[in-house]
C-alpha atoms as a PDB file:
ATOM      1  CA  MET A   1      15.108  -3.644  -4.025  1.00  0.00           C
ATOM      2  CA  ASN A   2      13.695  -5.396  -0.977  1.00  0.00           C
ATOM      3  CA  THR A   3      11.345  -3.535   1.314  1.00  0.00           C
ATOM      4  CA  PRO A   4      11.870  -4.163   5.035  1.00  0.00           C
ATOM      5  CA  GLY A   5       8.972  -5.983   6.648  1.00  0.00           C
ATOM      6  CA  VAL A   6       7.629  -7.518   3.426  1.00  0.00           C
ATOM      7  CA  GLU A   7       8.334 -11.237   3.419  1.00  0.00           C
ATOM      8  CA  GLY A   8       8.931 -12.937   0.077  1.00  0.00           C
ATOM      9  CA  GLU A   9       8.883  -9.644  -1.807  1.00  0.00           C
ATOM     10  CA  GLY A  10      11.214  -9.446  -4.801  1.00  0.00           C
ATOM     11  CA  ASP A  11      12.326  -6.430  -6.757  1.00  0.00           C
ATOM     12  CA  ALA A  12       9.776  -3.627  -6.630  1.00  0.00           C
ATOM     13  CA  THR A  13       8.911  -1.554  -9.646  1.00  0.00           C
ATOM     14  CA  LEU A  14       9.935   2.096  -9.552  1.00  0.00           C
ATOM     15  CA  THR A  15       6.294   3.158  -9.165  1.00  0.00           C
ATOM     16  CA  GLY A  16       5.777   0.522  -6.458  1.00  0.00           C
ATOM     17  CA  ARG A  17       8.722   1.848  -4.484  1.00  0.00           C
ATOM     18  CA  PHE A  18       7.237   5.363  -4.377  1.00  0.00           C
ATOM     19  CA  ALA A  19       3.797   4.128  -3.304  1.00  0.00           C
ATOM     20  CA  ALA A  20       5.454   1.879  -0.714  1.00  0.00           C
ATOM     21  CA  ASP A  21       6.999   4.964   0.888  1.00  0.00           C
ATOM     22  CA  LEU A  22       3.707   5.946   2.542  1.00  0.00           C
ATOM     23  CA  PRO A  23       4.299   5.614   6.290  1.00  0.00           C
ATOM     24  CA  PRO A  24       1.907   3.898   8.711  1.00  0.00           C
ATOM     25  CA  GLY A  25      -0.635   6.400   9.981  1.00  0.00           C
ATOM     26  CA  THR A  26      -1.113   8.088   6.593  1.00  0.00           C
ATOM     27  CA  ILE A  27      -4.790   8.955   6.034  1.00  0.00           C
ATOM     28  CA  LEU A  28      -6.183   8.436   2.528  1.00  0.00           C
ATOM     29  CA  ALA A  29      -9.414  10.068   1.312  1.00  0.00           C
ATOM     30  CA  GLY A  30     -10.020  11.378   4.830  1.00  0.00           C
ATOM     31  CA  ARG A  31     -11.220   7.912   5.812  1.00  0.00           C
ATOM     32  CA  PHE A  32      -8.589   5.179   5.552  1.00  0.00           C
ATOM     33  CA  ARG A  33      -5.590   5.002   7.908  1.00  0.00           C
ATOM     34  CA  LEU A  34      -2.706   2.927   6.567  1.00  0.00           C
ATOM     35  CA  ASP A  35      -1.535   0.409   9.169  1.00  0.00           C
ATOM     36  CA  ARG A  36       1.220  -1.518   7.359  1.00  0.00           C
ATOM     37  CA  LEU A  37       2.489  -2.557   3.960  1.00  0.00           C
ATOM     38  CA  LEU A  38       1.361  -6.054   2.969  1.00  0.00           C
ATOM     39  CA  GLY A  39       3.013  -6.452  -0.416  1.00  0.00           C
ATOM     40  CA  ILE A  40       4.362  -5.031  -3.641  1.00  0.00           C
ATOM     41  CA  GLY A  41       3.559  -6.479  -7.062  1.00  0.00           C
ATOM     42  CA  GLY A  42       3.593  -5.661 -10.729  1.00  0.00           C
ATOM     43  CA  MET A  43       0.317  -3.727 -10.570  1.00  0.00           C
ATOM     44  CA  GLY A  44       0.938  -1.730  -7.397  1.00  0.00           C
ATOM     45  CA  VAL A  45       1.127  -2.027  -3.617  1.00  0.00           C
ATOM     46  CA  VAL A  46      -1.284  -3.361  -0.987  1.00  0.00           C
ATOM     47  CA  TYR A  47      -1.675  -1.997   2.535  1.00  0.00           C
ATOM     48  CA  ARG A  48      -3.582  -3.170   5.575  1.00  0.00           C
ATOM     49  CA  ALA A  49      -5.651  -0.174   6.633  1.00  0.00           C
ATOM     50  CA  THR A  50      -8.494   0.793   8.928  1.00  0.00           C
ATOM     51  CA  ASP A  51     -11.733   2.335   7.674  1.00  0.00           C
ATOM     52  CA  LEU A  52     -12.113   5.085  10.261  1.00  0.00           C
ATOM     53  CA  GLN A  53     -15.832   5.597   9.568  1.00  0.00           C
ATOM     54  CA  LEU A  54     -16.765   1.936  10.032  1.00  0.00           C
ATOM     55  CA  GLY A  55     -13.963   0.933  12.401  1.00  0.00           C
ATOM     56  CA  VAL A  56     -13.079  -2.183  10.404  1.00  0.00           C
ATOM     57  CA  PRO A  57      -9.836  -3.450   8.837  1.00  0.00           C
ATOM     58  CA  VAL A  58      -9.609  -3.228   5.051  1.00  0.00           C
ATOM     59  CA  ALA A  59      -7.066  -3.817   2.309  1.00  0.00           C
ATOM     60  CA  ILE A  60      -6.087  -0.855   0.124  1.00  0.00           C
ATOM     61  CA  LYS A  61      -4.459  -1.479  -3.249  1.00  0.00           C
ATOM     62  CA  LEU A  62      -2.717   1.476  -4.871  1.00  0.00           C
ATOM     63  CA  LEU A  63      -2.342   0.876  -8.596  1.00  0.00           C
ATOM     64  CA  ARG A  64       0.540   2.003 -10.770  1.00  0.00           C
ATOM     65  CA  SER A  65      -0.660   4.961 -12.848  1.00  0.00           C
ATOM     66  CA  GLU A  66      -0.415   3.037 -16.145  1.00  0.00           C
ATOM     67  CA  MET A  67      -2.696   0.317 -14.714  1.00  0.00           C
ATOM     68  CA  ALA A  68      -5.407   2.784 -13.689  1.00  0.00           C
ATOM     69  CA  ASP A  69      -6.382   3.761 -17.256  1.00  0.00           C
END
């Protein structure tokens, strides 16, 4: 499966596809606003986000559940 807007991205894992479904503008932990998907890999997905408390860009990596243990 290729995700639109992700250059060079190959087949996503099933878990990666679900995490990649978070739309831009989603707020995580009441602090981080997702701006765009940067990539999908074997361990999870990475988003460009904005830290709303500090007003700075950050990268957010969401791990597959089996990687978080």
